[in-house]
Amino acid sequence: MKRALEPTSAFLRAMKRLLKRQPGSAEEIRNVLMQLEADAFAPSLRTHKLKGSLSGCWASSAGYDMRIIFEILPAEAGEKLSLLTIGTHDEVY
């Protein structure tokens, strides 16, 4: 099921910081975002539900140590993914 991606301002700031540190990761991130839009639960993304302070959110892998945190929200045409943040495992958890 295709879902619209809606980046938050915090996600955009985190993405800008990440690309400044790792400019070579732009293509990989773009591919992961396209895959998230097409199928957020594709096995290669290793999407999983979070607990604790991030309860209600989901995380997907965007490389070895990179994670994308998002929420699944209702929308007029189904659901949308609200992208909350992106960064290394230690940065987002």
N, C-alpha and C. Protein backbone atom coordinates (compact mmCIF):
# COMPACT_ATOMS: atom_id res chain seq x y z
N MET A 1 0.84 -1.18 0.00
CA MET A 1 0.00 0.00 0.00
C MET A 1 0.89 1.24 0.00
N LYS A 2 0.68 2.10 -0.96
CA LYS A 2 1.48 3.32 -1.07
C LYS A 2 0.96 4.35 -0.07
N ARG A 3 1.89 4.92 0.69
CA ARG A 3 1.55 5.93 1.69
C ARG A 3 2.35 7.20 1.39
N ALA A 4 1.71 8.34 1.61
CA ALA A 4 2.39 9.62 1.41
C ALA A 4 3.37 9.85 2.55
N LEU A 5 4.53 10.43 2.24
CA LEU A 5 5.52 10.77 3.25
C LEU A 5 5.36 12.25 3.60
N GLU A 6 5.34 12.54 4.89
CA GLU A 6 5.21 13.92 5.35
C GLU A 6 6.34 14.20 6.35
N PRO A 7 7.42 14.81 5.91
CA PRO A 7 8.53 15.09 6.83
C PRO A 7 8.19 16.24 7.77
N THR A 8 8.54 16.09 9.04
CA THR A 8 8.38 17.17 10.00
C THR A 8 9.59 18.10 9.89
N SER A 9 9.49 19.27 10.51
CA SER A 9 10.61 20.20 10.48
C SER A 9 11.81 19.60 11.21
N ALA A 10 11.57 18.82 12.28
CA ALA A 10 12.67 18.17 12.99
C ALA A 10 13.37 17.16 12.09
N PHE A 11 12.60 16.42 11.27
CA PHE A 11 13.19 15.47 10.34
C PHE A 11 14.07 16.19 9.32
N LEU A 12 13.57 17.30 8.79
CA LEU A 12 14.34 18.05 7.78
C LEU A 12 15.64 18.60 8.37
N ARG A 13 15.59 19.08 9.63
CA ARG A 13 16.82 19.56 10.27
C ARG A 13 17.80 18.41 10.48
N ALA A 14 17.29 17.26 10.95
CA ALA A 14 18.16 16.10 11.19
C ALA A 14 18.76 15.61 9.87
N MET A 15 17.98 15.63 8.81
CA MET A 15 18.46 15.20 7.49
C MET A 15 19.57 16.14 7.01
N LYS A 16 19.39 17.42 7.20
CA LYS A 16 20.39 18.40 6.79
C LYS A 16 21.71 18.17 7.54
N ARG A 17 21.63 17.95 8.86
CA ARG A 17 22.83 17.67 9.65
C ARG A 17 23.51 16.38 9.19
N LEU A 18 22.70 15.36 8.94
CA LEU A 18 23.24 14.07 8.51
C LEU A 18 23.95 14.18 7.17
N LEU A 19 23.35 14.87 6.22
CA LEU A 19 23.95 15.00 4.89
C LEU A 19 25.20 15.88 4.92
N LYS A 20 25.27 16.78 5.88
CA LYS A 20 26.48 17.59 6.03
C LYS A 20 27.65 16.72 6.51
N ARG A 21 27.35 15.78 7.43
CA ARG A 21 28.38 14.88 7.95
C ARG A 21 28.70 13.76 6.97
N GLN A 22 27.68 13.24 6.27
CA GLN A 22 27.85 12.09 5.37
C GLN A 22 27.21 12.39 4.02
N PRO A 23 27.82 13.24 3.21
CA PRO A 23 27.19 13.61 1.93
C PRO A 23 27.00 12.42 0.98
N GLY A 24 27.79 11.38 1.13
CA GLY A 24 27.67 10.22 0.26
C GLY A 24 26.45 9.36 0.55
N SER A 25 25.74 9.62 1.63
CA SER A 25 24.59 8.79 1.99
C SER A 25 23.28 9.28 1.37
N ALA A 26 23.32 10.37 0.63
CA ALA A 26 22.09 10.96 0.06
C ALA A 26 21.33 9.99 -0.83
N GLU A 27 22.03 9.29 -1.70
CA GLU A 27 21.38 8.36 -2.63
C GLU A 27 20.73 7.20 -1.88
N GLU A 28 21.43 6.67 -0.88
CA GLU A 28 20.89 5.57 -0.09
C GLU A 28 19.63 6.01 0.66
N ILE A 29 19.65 7.20 1.24
CA ILE A 29 18.49 7.71 1.95
C ILE A 29 17.32 7.91 1.00
N ARG A 30 17.59 8.45 -0.16
CA ARG A 30 16.54 8.66 -1.17
C ARG A 30 15.89 7.32 -1.54
N ASN A 31 16.70 6.28 -1.73
CA ASN A 31 16.17 4.96 -2.06
C ASN A 31 15.31 4.39 -0.93
N VAL A 32 15.76 4.57 0.31
CA VAL A 32 15.00 4.08 1.46
C VAL A 32 13.67 4.82 1.57
N LEU A 33 13.67 6.14 1.36
CA LEU A 33 12.43 6.90 1.43
C LEU A 33 11.44 6.47 0.34
N MET A 34 11.94 6.19 -0.85
CA MET A 34 11.07 5.69 -1.92
C MET A 34 10.49 4.33 -1.55
N GLN A 35 11.30 3.48 -0.94
CA GLN A 35 10.83 2.17 -0.52
C GLN A 35 9.82 2.29 0.62
N LEU A 36 10.07 3.21 1.56
CA LEU A 36 9.12 3.46 2.65
C LEU A 36 7.77 3.88 2.09
N GLU A 37 7.80 4.75 1.10
CA GLU A 37 6.57 5.23 0.48
C GLU A 37 5.80 4.09 -0.20
N ALA A 38 6.53 3.22 -0.87
CA ALA A 38 5.90 2.11 -1.58
C ALA A 38 5.43 1.01 -0.63
N ASP A 39 6.26 0.63 0.34
CA ASP A 39 5.92 -0.44 1.28
C ASP A 39 6.75 -0.29 2.54
N ALA A 40 6.16 0.32 3.56
CA ALA A 40 6.89 0.60 4.81
C ALA A 40 7.31 -0.67 5.54
N PHE A 41 6.71 -1.80 5.19
CA PHE A 41 7.02 -3.03 5.89
C PHE A 41 7.78 -4.04 5.02
N ALA A 42 8.50 -3.54 4.03
CA ALA A 42 9.35 -4.40 3.21
C ALA A 42 10.42 -5.02 4.11
N PRO A 43 10.71 -6.29 3.95
CA PRO A 43 11.69 -6.95 4.82
C PRO A 43 13.05 -6.27 4.87
N SER A 44 13.49 -5.68 3.78
CA SER A 44 14.81 -5.05 3.76
C SER A 44 14.88 -3.82 4.67
N LEU A 45 13.74 -3.21 5.00
CA LEU A 45 13.72 -2.04 5.87
C LEU A 45 13.76 -2.40 7.36
N ARG A 46 13.45 -3.64 7.67
CA ARG A 46 13.42 -4.11 9.06
C ARG A 46 12.60 -3.18 9.95
N THR A 47 11.42 -2.80 9.48
CA THR A 47 10.53 -1.91 10.21
C THR A 47 10.02 -2.61 11.47
N HIS A 48 10.05 -1.89 12.58
CA HIS A 48 9.57 -2.45 13.83
C HIS A 48 8.94 -1.36 14.70
N LYS A 49 8.00 -1.78 15.54
CA LYS A 49 7.31 -0.87 16.44
C LYS A 49 8.20 -0.57 17.63
N LEU A 50 8.14 0.66 18.12
CA LEU A 50 8.98 1.08 19.24
C LEU A 50 8.19 1.08 20.55
N LYS A 51 8.91 1.01 21.64
CA LYS A 51 8.32 0.99 22.98
C LYS A 51 8.87 2.16 23.79
N GLY A 52 8.41 2.29 25.00
CA GLY A 52 8.94 3.32 25.90
C GLY A 52 8.51 4.71 25.49
N SER A 53 9.43 5.66 25.54
CA SER A 53 9.11 7.06 25.24
C SER A 53 8.70 7.25 23.77
N LEU A 54 9.07 6.32 22.91
CA LEU A 54 8.70 6.40 21.49
C LEU A 54 7.55 5.45 21.15
N SER A 55 6.78 5.06 22.15
CA SER A 55 5.65 4.16 21.94
C SER A 55 4.68 4.79 20.93
N GLY A 56 4.21 3.99 20.00
CA GLY A 56 3.33 4.48 18.96
C GLY A 56 4.07 4.85 17.69
N CYS A 57 5.38 4.86 17.74
CA CYS A 57 6.21 5.18 16.57
C CYS A 57 6.80 3.89 16.01
N TRP A 58 7.33 4.02 14.81
CA TRP A 58 7.97 2.91 14.11
C TRP A 58 9.37 3.33 13.71
N ALA A 59 10.26 2.36 13.53
CA ALA A 59 11.62 2.64 13.07
C ALA A 59 11.94 1.73 11.89
N SER A 60 12.64 2.27 10.93
CA SER A 60 13.12 1.51 9.77
C SER A 60 14.61 1.73 9.62
N SER A 61 15.30 0.72 9.12
CA SER A 61 16.72 0.84 8.86
C SER A 61 16.94 1.53 7.53
N ALA A 62 17.93 2.42 7.53
CA ALA A 62 18.31 3.11 6.30
C ALA A 62 19.81 2.94 6.10
N GLY A 63 20.27 1.73 6.31
CA GLY A 63 21.69 1.44 6.25
C GLY A 63 22.10 0.73 7.52
N TYR A 64 23.38 0.46 7.64
CA TYR A 64 23.89 -0.31 8.78
C TYR A 64 23.52 0.31 10.12
N ASP A 65 23.83 1.61 10.32
CA ASP A 65 23.60 2.24 11.61
C ASP A 65 22.65 3.43 11.51
N MET A 66 21.90 3.54 10.44
CA MET A 66 21.02 4.68 10.26
C MET A 66 19.57 4.24 10.42
N ARG A 67 18.78 5.06 11.14
CA ARG A 67 17.38 4.75 11.38
C ARG A 67 16.51 5.94 10.98
N ILE A 68 15.29 5.63 10.55
CA ILE A 68 14.27 6.63 10.29
C ILE A 68 13.12 6.33 11.25
N ILE A 69 12.72 7.31 12.05
CA ILE A 69 11.62 7.15 12.98
C ILE A 69 10.39 7.84 12.38
N PHE A 70 9.24 7.16 12.41
CA PHE A 70 8.04 7.72 11.82
C PHE A 70 6.79 7.24 12.56
N GLU A 71 5.69 7.94 12.31
CA GLU A 71 4.38 7.55 12.80
C GLU A 71 3.49 7.28 11.60
N ILE A 72 2.55 6.38 11.76
CA ILE A 72 1.56 6.11 10.73
C ILE A 72 0.28 6.82 11.16
N LEU A 73 -0.16 7.77 10.35
CA LEU A 73 -1.33 8.59 10.68
C LEU A 73 -2.41 8.43 9.63
N PRO A 74 -3.68 8.57 10.02
CA PRO A 74 -4.76 8.51 9.03
C PRO A 74 -4.71 9.74 8.12
N ALA A 75 -5.11 9.53 6.88
CA ALA A 75 -5.18 10.63 5.91
C ALA A 75 -6.44 10.44 5.08
N GLU A 76 -6.75 11.42 4.27
CA GLU A 76 -7.95 11.34 3.44
C GLU A 76 -7.94 10.12 2.53
N ALA A 77 -6.80 9.83 1.96
CA ALA A 77 -6.70 8.70 1.01
C ALA A 77 -5.95 7.53 1.65
N GLY A 78 -6.33 7.13 2.84
CA GLY A 78 -5.67 5.99 3.49
C GLY A 78 -4.84 6.40 4.68
N GLU A 79 -3.53 6.27 4.53
CA GLU A 79 -2.60 6.60 5.62
C GLU A 79 -1.44 7.41 5.09
N LYS A 80 -0.77 8.11 6.01
CA LYS A 80 0.46 8.83 5.65
C LYS A 80 1.50 8.51 6.71
N LEU A 81 2.76 8.65 6.31
CA LEU A 81 3.87 8.44 7.23
C LEU A 81 4.42 9.81 7.61
N SER A 82 4.33 10.14 8.88
CA SER A 82 4.90 11.37 9.39
C SER A 82 6.33 11.08 9.82
N LEU A 83 7.29 11.55 9.04
CA LEU A 83 8.70 11.30 9.31
C LEU A 83 9.16 12.19 10.45
N LEU A 84 9.60 11.59 11.56
CA LEU A 84 9.94 12.35 12.76
C LEU A 84 11.41 12.71 12.84
N THR A 85 12.29 11.76 12.59
CA THR A 85 13.73 12.03 12.66
C THR A 85 14.51 10.97 11.89
N ILE A 86 15.75 11.29 11.64
CA ILE A 86 16.67 10.37 10.97
C ILE A 86 18.04 10.56 11.61
N GLY A 87 18.78 9.48 11.73
CA GLY A 87 20.12 9.57 12.29
C GLY A 87 20.65 8.19 12.65
N THR A 88 21.79 8.19 13.32
CA THR A 88 22.36 6.92 13.74
C THR A 88 21.50 6.34 14.86
N HIS A 89 21.72 5.08 15.13
CA HIS A 89 20.98 4.38 16.17
C HIS A 89 21.04 5.17 17.49
N ASP A 90 22.22 5.59 17.89
CA ASP A 90 22.38 6.31 19.16
C ASP A 90 21.72 7.69 19.14
N GLU A 91 21.66 8.34 17.99
CA GLU A 91 21.06 9.68 17.91
C GLU A 91 19.55 9.66 18.04
N VAL A 92 18.90 8.66 17.48
CA VAL A 92 17.43 8.67 17.44
C VAL A 92 16.78 7.99 18.64
N TYR A 93 17.50 7.11 19.33
CA TYR A 93 16.89 6.42 20.48
C TYR A 93 17.28 7.05 21.78
